[in-house]
């Protein structure tokens, strides 16, 4: 079984701690996909920025529920299980 080092939520400080705090505020927990990117804070920040820009920021002409529906639909088509 493969093992990928991640920074645990309990031990997160600095930029990773701030990103984890934001994830908890947004989703109630830190999902494993977020923890997977924790060893490279710049990658995690870029991923969170992309997610916010395409899903949660209110600047889109599409409603948030619709944007999230599109994201879920694409994930299902791609056989993603998360």
PDB file of N, CA and C in Angstrom:
ATOM      1  N   UNK A   1       0.843  -1.176   0.000  1.00  0.00           N
ATOM      2  CA  UNK A   1       0.000   0.000   0.000  1.00  0.00           C
ATOM      3  C   UNK A   1       0.891   1.243   0.000  1.00  0.00           C
ATOM      4  N   UNK A   2       0.548   2.198  -0.812  1.00  0.00           N
ATOM      5  CA  UNK A   2       1.332   3.426  -0.924  1.00  0.00           C
ATOM      6  C   UNK A   2       1.111   4.318   0.285  1.00  0.00           C
ATOM      7  N   UNK A   3       2.109   5.114   0.609  1.00  0.00           N
ATOM      8  CA  UNK A   3       2.008   6.062   1.709  1.00  0.00           C
ATOM      9  C   UNK A   3       2.506   7.411   1.221  1.00  0.00           C
ATOM     10  N   UNK A   4       1.715   8.417   1.425  1.00  0.00           N
ATOM     11  CA  UNK A   4       2.093   9.778   1.058  1.00  0.00           C
ATOM     12  C   UNK A   4       2.106  10.611   2.326  1.00  0.00           C
ATOM     13  N   UNK A   5       3.232  11.232   2.608  1.00  0.00           N
ATOM     14  CA  UNK A   5       3.354  12.084   3.789  1.00  0.00           C
ATOM     15  C   UNK A   5       2.436  13.295   3.647  1.00  0.00           C
ATOM     16  N   UNK A   6       1.690  13.586   4.692  1.00  0.00           N
ATOM     17  CA  UNK A   6       0.862  14.787   4.741  1.00  0.00           C
ATOM     18  C   UNK A   6       1.058  15.467   6.088  1.00  0.00           C
ATOM     19  N   UNK A   7       0.638  16.706   6.180  1.00  0.00           N
ATOM     20  CA  UNK A   7       0.698  17.430   7.446  1.00  0.00           C
ATOM     21  C   UNK A   7      -0.649  17.250   8.138  1.00  0.00           C
ATOM     22  N   UNK A   8      -0.641  16.633   9.331  1.00  0.00           N
ATOM     23  CA  UNK A   8      -1.910  16.409  10.021  1.00  0.00           C
ATOM     24  C   UNK A   8      -2.541  17.723  10.476  1.00  0.00           C
ATOM     25  N   UNK A   9      -3.843  17.718  10.579  1.00  0.00           N
ATOM     26  CA  UNK A   9      -4.569  18.918  10.991  1.00  0.00           C
ATOM     27  C   UNK A   9      -4.080  19.389  12.362  1.00  0.00           C
ATOM     28  N   UNK A  10      -3.871  18.460  13.264  1.00  0.00           N
ATOM     29  CA  UNK A  10      -3.451  18.810  14.628  1.00  0.00           C
ATOM     30  C   UNK A  10      -2.090  19.492  14.682  1.00  0.00           C
ATOM     31  N   UNK A  11      -1.205  19.211  13.729  1.00  0.00           N
ATOM     32  CA  UNK A  11       0.136  19.773  13.750  1.00  0.00           C
ATOM     33  C   UNK A  11       0.368  20.901  12.766  1.00  0.00           C
ATOM     34  N   UNK A  12      -0.692  21.361  12.128  1.00  0.00           N
ATOM     35  CA  UNK A  12      -0.545  22.379  11.082  1.00  0.00           C
ATOM     36  C   UNK A  12      -0.340  23.769  11.675  1.00  0.00           C
ATOM     37  N   UNK A  13       0.685  24.458  11.169  1.00  0.00           N
ATOM     38  CA  UNK A  13       0.971  25.833  11.585  1.00  0.00           C
ATOM     39  C   UNK A  13       1.266  26.664  10.338  1.00  0.00           C
ATOM     40  N   UNK A  14       1.422  27.947  10.527  1.00  0.00           N
ATOM     41  CA  UNK A  14       1.792  28.835   9.427  1.00  0.00           C
ATOM     42  C   UNK A  14       0.779  28.812   8.300  1.00  0.00           C
ATOM     43  N   UNK A  15       1.265  28.866   7.046  1.00  0.00           N
ATOM     44  CA  UNK A  15       0.348  28.910   5.895  1.00  0.00           C
ATOM     45  C   UNK A  15      -0.579  27.697   5.820  1.00  0.00           C
ATOM     46  N   UNK A  16      -0.053  26.509   6.118  1.00  0.00           N
ATOM     47  CA  UNK A  16      -0.892  25.309   6.071  1.00  0.00           C
ATOM     48  C   UNK A  16      -1.958  25.374   7.154  1.00  0.00           C
ATOM     49  N   UNK A  17      -1.594  25.827   8.330  1.00  0.00           N
ATOM     50  CA  UNK A  17      -2.575  25.982   9.409  1.00  0.00           C
ATOM     51  C   UNK A  17      -3.694  26.931   9.011  1.00  0.00           C
ATOM     52  N   UNK A  18      -3.333  28.029   8.353  1.00  0.00           N
ATOM     53  CA  UNK A  18      -4.343  28.999   7.907  1.00  0.00           C
ATOM     54  C   UNK A  18      -5.249  28.394   6.834  1.00  0.00           C
ATOM     55  N   UNK A  19      -4.672  27.633   5.915  1.00  0.00           N
ATOM     56  CA  UNK A  19      -5.474  26.987   4.873  1.00  0.00           C
ATOM     57  C   UNK A  19      -6.385  25.915   5.472  1.00  0.00           C
ATOM     58  N   UNK A  20      -5.885  25.167   6.431  1.00  0.00           N
ATOM     59  CA  UNK A  20      -6.715  24.178   7.114  1.00  0.00           C
ATOM     60  C   UNK A  20      -7.852  24.863   7.872  1.00  0.00           C
ATOM     61  N   UNK A  21      -7.542  25.957   8.565  1.00  0.00           N
ATOM     62  CA  UNK A  21      -8.588  26.694   9.289  1.00  0.00           C
ATOM     63  C   UNK A  21      -9.683  27.161   8.337  1.00  0.00           C
ATOM     64  N   UNK A  22      -9.279  27.648   7.166  1.00  0.00           N
ATOM     65  CA  UNK A  22     -10.251  28.091   6.169  1.00  0.00           C
ATOM     66  C   UNK A  22     -11.088  26.912   5.675  1.00  0.00           C
ATOM     67  N   UNK A  23     -10.461  25.751   5.503  1.00  0.00           N
ATOM     68  CA  UNK A  23     -11.186  24.560   5.062  1.00  0.00           C
ATOM     69  C   UNK A  23     -12.208  24.138   6.108  1.00  0.00           C
ATOM     70  N   UNK A  24     -11.819  24.185   7.372  1.00  0.00           N
ATOM     71  CA  UNK A  24     -12.735  23.820   8.448  1.00  0.00           C
ATOM     72  C   UNK A  24     -13.893  24.807   8.514  1.00  0.00           C
ATOM     73  N   UNK A  25     -13.594  26.075   8.345  1.00  0.00           N
ATOM     74  CA  UNK A  25     -14.653  27.092   8.361  1.00  0.00           C
ATOM     75  C   UNK A  25     -15.625  26.876   7.197  1.00  0.00           C
ATOM     76  N   UNK A  26     -15.094  26.495   6.044  1.00  0.00           N
ATOM     77  CA  UNK A  26     -15.914  26.327   4.842  1.00  0.00           C
ATOM     78  C   UNK A  26     -16.678  25.006   4.855  1.00  0.00           C
ATOM     79  N   UNK A  27     -16.007  23.909   5.239  1.00  0.00           N
ATOM     80  CA  UNK A  27     -16.597  22.576   5.064  1.00  0.00           C
ATOM     81  C   UNK A  27     -16.812  21.805   6.359  1.00  0.00           C
ATOM     82  N   UNK A  28     -16.338  22.353   7.477  1.00  0.00           N
ATOM     83  CA  UNK A  28     -16.504  21.653   8.743  1.00  0.00           C
ATOM     84  C   UNK A  28     -15.400  20.667   9.062  1.00  0.00           C
ATOM     85  N   UNK A  29     -14.531  20.414   8.102  1.00  0.00           N
ATOM     86  CA  UNK A  29     -13.385  19.518   8.310  1.00  0.00           C
ATOM     87  C   UNK A  29     -12.377  19.732   7.191  1.00  0.00           C
ATOM     88  N   UNK A  30     -11.228  19.086   7.329  1.00  0.00           N
ATOM     89  CA  UNK A  30     -10.202  19.130   6.290  1.00  0.00           C
ATOM     90  C   UNK A  30     -10.258  17.794   5.553  1.00  0.00           C
ATOM     91  N   UNK A  31     -10.687  17.847   4.317  1.00  0.00           N
ATOM     92  CA  UNK A  31     -10.788  16.619   3.523  1.00  0.00           C
ATOM     93  C   UNK A  31      -9.398  16.103   3.160  1.00  0.00           C
ATOM     94  N   UNK A  32      -9.326  14.796   2.909  1.00  0.00           N
ATOM     95  CA  UNK A  32      -8.044  14.149   2.595  1.00  0.00           C
ATOM     96  C   UNK A  32      -7.383  14.737   1.352  1.00  0.00           C
ATOM     97  N   UNK A  33      -8.162  15.150   0.365  1.00  0.00           N
ATOM     98  CA  UNK A  33      -7.579  15.739  -0.842  1.00  0.00           C
ATOM     99  C   UNK A  33      -6.830  17.025  -0.505  1.00  0.00           C
ATOM    100  N   UNK A  34      -7.318  17.762   0.481  1.00  0.00           N
ATOM    101  CA  UNK A  34      -6.642  18.977   0.935  1.00  0.00           C
ATOM    102  C   UNK A  34      -5.357  18.599   1.665  1.00  0.00           C
ATOM    103  N   UNK A  35      -5.435  17.613   2.544  1.00  0.00           N
ATOM    104  CA  UNK A  35      -4.246  17.161   3.267  1.00  0.00           C
ATOM    105  C   UNK A  35      -3.184  16.622   2.316  1.00  0.00           C
ATOM    106  N   UNK A  36      -3.608  16.001   1.228  1.00  0.00           N
ATOM    107  CA  UNK A  36      -2.664  15.456   0.262  1.00  0.00           C
ATOM    108  C   UNK A  36      -1.766  16.535  -0.337  1.00  0.00           C
ATOM    109  N   UNK A  37      -2.295  17.743  -0.484  1.00  0.00           N
ATOM    110  CA  UNK A  37      -1.518  18.843  -1.051  1.00  0.00           C
ATOM    111  C   UNK A  37      -0.756  19.638   0.011  1.00  0.00           C
ATOM    112  N   UNK A  38      -0.847  19.231   1.260  1.00  0.00           N
ATOM    113  CA  UNK A  38      -0.290  20.019   2.363  1.00  0.00           C
ATOM    114  C   UNK A  38       1.229  20.140   2.352  1.00  0.00           C
ATOM    115  N   UNK A  39       1.917  19.222   1.726  1.00  0.00           N
ATOM    116  CA  UNK A  39       3.382  19.299   1.718  1.00  0.00           C
ATOM    117  C   UNK A  39       3.902  20.379   0.781  1.00  0.00           C
ATOM    118  N   UNK A  40       3.028  20.890  -0.080  1.00  0.00           N
ATOM    119  CA  UNK A  40       3.391  21.996  -0.964  1.00  0.00           C
ATOM    120  C   UNK A  40       2.345  23.101  -0.806  1.00  0.00           C
ATOM    121  N   UNK A  41       2.573  24.023   0.149  1.00  0.00           N
ATOM    122  CA  UNK A  41       1.587  25.063   0.416  1.00  0.00           C
ATOM    123  C   UNK A  41       1.179  25.867  -0.819  1.00  0.00           C
ATOM    124  N   UNK A  42       2.101  26.115  -1.739  1.00  0.00           N
ATOM    125  CA  UNK A  42       1.748  26.896  -2.927  1.00  0.00           C
ATOM    126  C   UNK A  42       0.747  26.143  -3.805  1.00  0.00           C
ATOM    127  N   UNK A  43       0.883  24.826  -3.881  1.00  0.00           N
ATOM    128  CA  UNK A  43      -0.060  24.009  -4.655  1.00  0.00           C
ATOM    129  C   UNK A  43      -1.422  24.004  -3.972  1.00  0.00           C
ATOM    130  N   UNK A  44      -1.428  23.847  -2.655  1.00  0.00           N
ATOM    131  CA  UNK A  44      -2.688  23.858  -1.919  1.00  0.00           C
ATOM    132  C   UNK A  44      -3.388  25.203  -2.058  1.00  0.00           C
ATOM    133  N   UNK A  45      -2.638  26.290  -1.946  1.00  0.00           N
ATOM    134  CA  UNK A  45      -3.226  27.622  -2.087  1.00  0.00           C
ATOM    135  C   UNK A  45      -3.808  27.817  -3.485  1.00  0.00           C
ATOM    136  N   UNK A  46      -3.078  27.389  -4.506  1.00  0.00           N
ATOM    137  CA  UNK A  46      -3.567  27.519  -5.879  1.00  0.00           C
ATOM    138  C   UNK A  46      -4.836  26.692  -6.082  1.00  0.00           C
ATOM    139  N   UNK A  47      -4.864  25.501  -5.536  1.00  0.00           N
ATOM    140  CA  UNK A  47      -6.037  24.647  -5.658  1.00  0.00           C
ATOM    141  C   UNK A  47      -7.244  25.258  -4.964  1.00  0.00           C
ATOM    142  N   UNK A  48      -7.039  25.795  -3.759  1.00  0.00           N
ATOM    143  CA  UNK A  48      -8.138  26.422  -3.018  1.00  0.00           C
ATOM    144  C   UNK A  48      -8.633  27.685  -3.740  1.00  0.00           C
ATOM    145  N   UNK A  49      -7.719  28.423  -4.343  1.00  0.00           N
ATOM    146  CA  UNK A  49      -8.103  29.621  -5.093  1.00  0.00           C
ATOM    147  C   UNK A  49      -8.927  29.247  -6.324  1.00  0.00           C
ATOM    148  N   UNK A  50      -8.508  28.199  -7.026  1.00  0.00           N
ATOM    149  CA  UNK A  50      -9.260  27.739  -8.186  1.00  0.00           C
ATOM    150  C   UNK A  50     -10.649  27.257  -7.769  1.00  0.00           C
ATOM    151  N   UNK A  51     -10.708  26.492  -6.690  1.00  0.00           N
ATOM    152  CA  UNK A  51     -11.999  26.005  -6.183  1.00  0.00           C
ATOM    153  C   UNK A  51     -12.915  27.178  -5.850  1.00  0.00           C
ATOM    154  N   UNK A  52     -12.380  28.163  -5.140  1.00  0.00           N
ATOM    155  CA  UNK A  52     -13.191  29.322  -4.759  1.00  0.00           C
ATOM    156  C   UNK A  52     -13.662  30.091  -5.981  1.00  0.00           C
ATOM    157  N   UNK A  53     -12.781  30.285  -6.933  1.00  0.00           N
ATOM    158  CA  UNK A  53     -13.136  31.060  -8.124  1.00  0.00           C
ATOM    159  C   UNK A  53     -14.198  30.372  -8.965  1.00  0.00           C
ATOM    160  N   UNK A  54     -14.190  29.046  -8.982  1.00  0.00           N
ATOM    161  CA  UNK A  54     -15.136  28.331  -9.830  1.00  0.00           C
ATOM    162  C   UNK A  54     -16.389  27.852  -9.110  1.00  0.00           C
ATOM    163  N   UNK A  55     -16.359  27.836  -7.781  1.00  0.00           N
ATOM    164  CA  UNK A  55     -17.485  27.252  -7.061  1.00  0.00           C
ATOM    165  C   UNK A  55     -18.131  28.177  -6.042  1.00  0.00           C
ATOM    166  N   UNK A  56     -17.353  28.825  -5.206  1.00  0.00           N
ATOM    167  CA  UNK A  56     -17.953  29.495  -4.047  1.00  0.00           C
ATOM    168  C   UNK A  56     -18.007  31.018  -4.117  1.00  0.00           C
ATOM    169  N   UNK A  57     -17.207  31.640  -4.954  1.00  0.00           N
ATOM    170  CA  UNK A  57     -17.223  33.104  -4.978  1.00  0.00           C
ATOM    171  C   UNK A  57     -18.494  33.621  -5.648  1.00  0.00           C
ATOM    172  N   UNK A  58     -19.085  34.665  -5.087  1.00  0.00           N
ATOM    173  CA  UNK A  58     -20.380  35.143  -5.586  1.00  0.00           C
ATOM    174  C   UNK A  58     -20.306  35.992  -6.854  1.00  0.00           C
ATOM    175  N   UNK A  59     -19.168  36.029  -7.533  1.00  0.00           N
ATOM    176  CA  UNK A  59     -19.030  36.892  -8.710  1.00  0.00           C
ATOM    177  C   UNK A  59     -19.526  36.245  -9.995  1.00  0.00           C
ATOM    178  N   UNK A  60     -19.912  34.983  -9.956  1.00  0.00           N
ATOM    179  CA  UNK A  60     -20.376  34.287 -11.151  1.00  0.00           C
ATOM    180  C   UNK A  60     -21.840  34.615 -11.435  1.00  0.00           C
ATOM    181  N   UNK A  61     -22.209  34.642 -12.710  1.00  0.00           N
ATOM    182  CA  UNK A  61     -23.626  34.831 -13.032  1.00  0.00           C
ATOM    183  C   UNK A  61     -24.466  33.592 -12.710  1.00  0.00           C
ATOM    184  N   UNK A  62     -23.798  32.456 -12.453  1.00  0.00           N
ATOM    185  CA  UNK A  62     -24.493  31.225 -12.084  1.00  0.00           C
ATOM    186  C   UNK A  62     -24.617  31.137 -10.567  1.00  0.00           C
ATOM    187  N   UNK A  63     -25.696  30.573 -10.100  1.00  0.00           N
ATOM    188  CA  UNK A  63     -25.882  30.427  -8.652  1.00  0.00           C
ATOM    189  C   UNK A  63     -24.878  29.411  -8.095  1.00  0.00           C
ATOM    190  N   UNK A  64     -24.601  29.521  -6.805  1.00  0.00           N
ATOM    191  CA  UNK A  64     -23.632  28.611  -6.194  1.00  0.00           C
ATOM    192  C   UNK A  64     -24.113  27.168  -6.285  1.00  0.00           C
ATOM    193  N   UNK A  65     -25.388  26.924  -6.001  1.00  0.00           N
ATOM    194  CA  UNK A  65     -25.876  25.547  -6.038  1.00  0.00           C
ATOM    195  C   UNK A  65     -25.687  24.945  -7.423  1.00  0.00           C
ATOM    196  N   UNK A  66     -25.856  25.754  -8.472  1.00  0.00           N
ATOM    197  CA  UNK A  66     -25.704  25.245  -9.829  1.00  0.00           C
ATOM    198  C   UNK A  66     -24.236  24.938 -10.130  1.00  0.00           C
ATOM    199  N   UNK A  67     -23.339  25.817  -9.692  1.00  0.00           N
ATOM    200  CA  UNK A  67     -21.905  25.578  -9.907  1.00  0.00           C
ATOM    201  C   UNK A  67     -21.457  24.310  -9.192  1.00  0.00           C
ATOM    202  N   UNK A  68     -21.969  24.097  -7.984  1.00  0.00           N
ATOM    203  CA  UNK A  68     -21.612  22.881  -7.257  1.00  0.00           C
ATOM    204  C   UNK A  68     -22.231  21.651  -7.910  1.00  0.00           C
ATOM    205  N   UNK A  69     -23.430  21.786  -8.451  1.00  0.00           N
ATOM    206  CA  UNK A  69     -24.056  20.692  -9.180  1.00  0.00           C
ATOM    207  C   UNK A  69     -23.215  20.302 -10.393  1.00  0.00           C
ATOM    208  N   UNK A  70     -22.702  21.289 -11.108  1.00  0.00           N
ATOM    209  CA  UNK A  70     -21.824  21.014 -12.244  1.00  0.00           C
ATOM    210  C   UNK A  70     -20.574  20.268 -11.779  1.00  0.00           C
ATOM    211  N   UNK A  71     -19.984  20.703 -10.677  1.00  0.00           N
ATOM    212  CA  UNK A  71     -18.779  20.046 -10.153  1.00  0.00           C
ATOM    213  C   UNK A  71     -19.063  18.593  -9.782  1.00  0.00           C
ATOM    214  N   UNK A  72     -20.182  18.338  -9.135  1.00  0.00           N
ATOM    215  CA  UNK A  72     -20.539  16.968  -8.758  1.00  0.00           C
ATOM    216  C   UNK A  72     -20.803  16.120 -10.001  1.00  0.00           C
ATOM    217  N   UNK A  73     -21.491  16.684 -10.966  1.00  0.00           N
ATOM    218  CA  UNK A  73     -21.793  15.961 -12.198  1.00  0.00           C
ATOM    219  C   UNK A  73     -20.515  15.580 -12.937  1.00  0.00           C
ATOM    220  N   UNK A  74     -19.587  16.508 -13.048  1.00  0.00           N
ATOM    221  CA  UNK A  74     -18.309  16.220 -13.711  1.00  0.00           C
ATOM    222  C   UNK A  74     -17.550  15.140 -12.941  1.00  0.00           C
ATOM    223  N   UNK A  75     -17.563  15.218 -11.612  1.00  0.00           N
ATOM    224  CA  UNK A  75     -16.897  14.193 -10.805  1.00  0.00           C
ATOM    225  C   UNK A  75     -17.514  12.822 -11.037  1.00  0.00           C
ATOM    226  N   UNK A  76     -18.826  12.756 -11.114  1.00  0.00           N
ATOM    227  CA  UNK A  76     -19.497  11.469 -11.373  1.00  0.00           C
ATOM    228  C   UNK A  76     -19.129  10.932 -12.751  1.00  0.00           C
ATOM    229  N   UNK A  77     -19.130  11.796 -13.746  1.00  0.00           N
ATOM    230  CA  UNK A  77     -18.773  11.368 -15.106  1.00  0.00           C
ATOM    231  C   UNK A  77     -17.341  10.831 -15.136  1.00  0.00           C
ATOM    232  N   UNK A  78     -16.465  11.448 -14.337  1.00  0.00           N
ATOM    233  CA  UNK A  78     -15.068  11.026 -14.267  1.00  0.00           C
ATOM    234  C   UNK A  78     -14.831   9.901 -13.264  1.00  0.00           C
ATOM    235  N   UNK A  79     -15.927   9.362 -12.695  1.00  0.00           N
ATOM    236  CA  UNK A  79     -15.860   8.253 -11.734  1.00  0.00           C
ATOM    237  C   UNK A  79     -15.069   8.593 -10.476  1.00  0.00           C
ATOM    238  N   UNK A  80     -15.128   9.846 -10.049  1.00  0.00           N
ATOM    239  CA  UNK A  80     -14.488  10.250  -8.799  1.00  0.00           C
ATOM    240  C   UNK A  80     -15.387   9.823  -7.639  1.00  0.00           C
ATOM    241  N   UNK A  81     -14.803   9.332  -6.583  1.00  0.00           N
ATOM    242  CA  UNK A  81     -15.595   8.839  -5.449  1.00  0.00           C
ATOM    243  C   UNK A  81     -15.571   9.781  -4.256  1.00  0.00           C
ATOM    244  N   UNK A  82     -14.921  10.924  -4.357  1.00  0.00           N
ATOM    245  CA  UNK A  82     -14.861  11.840  -3.226  1.00  0.00           C
ATOM    246  C   UNK A  82     -15.988  12.827  -3.254  1.00  0.00           C
TER     247      UNK A  82
END
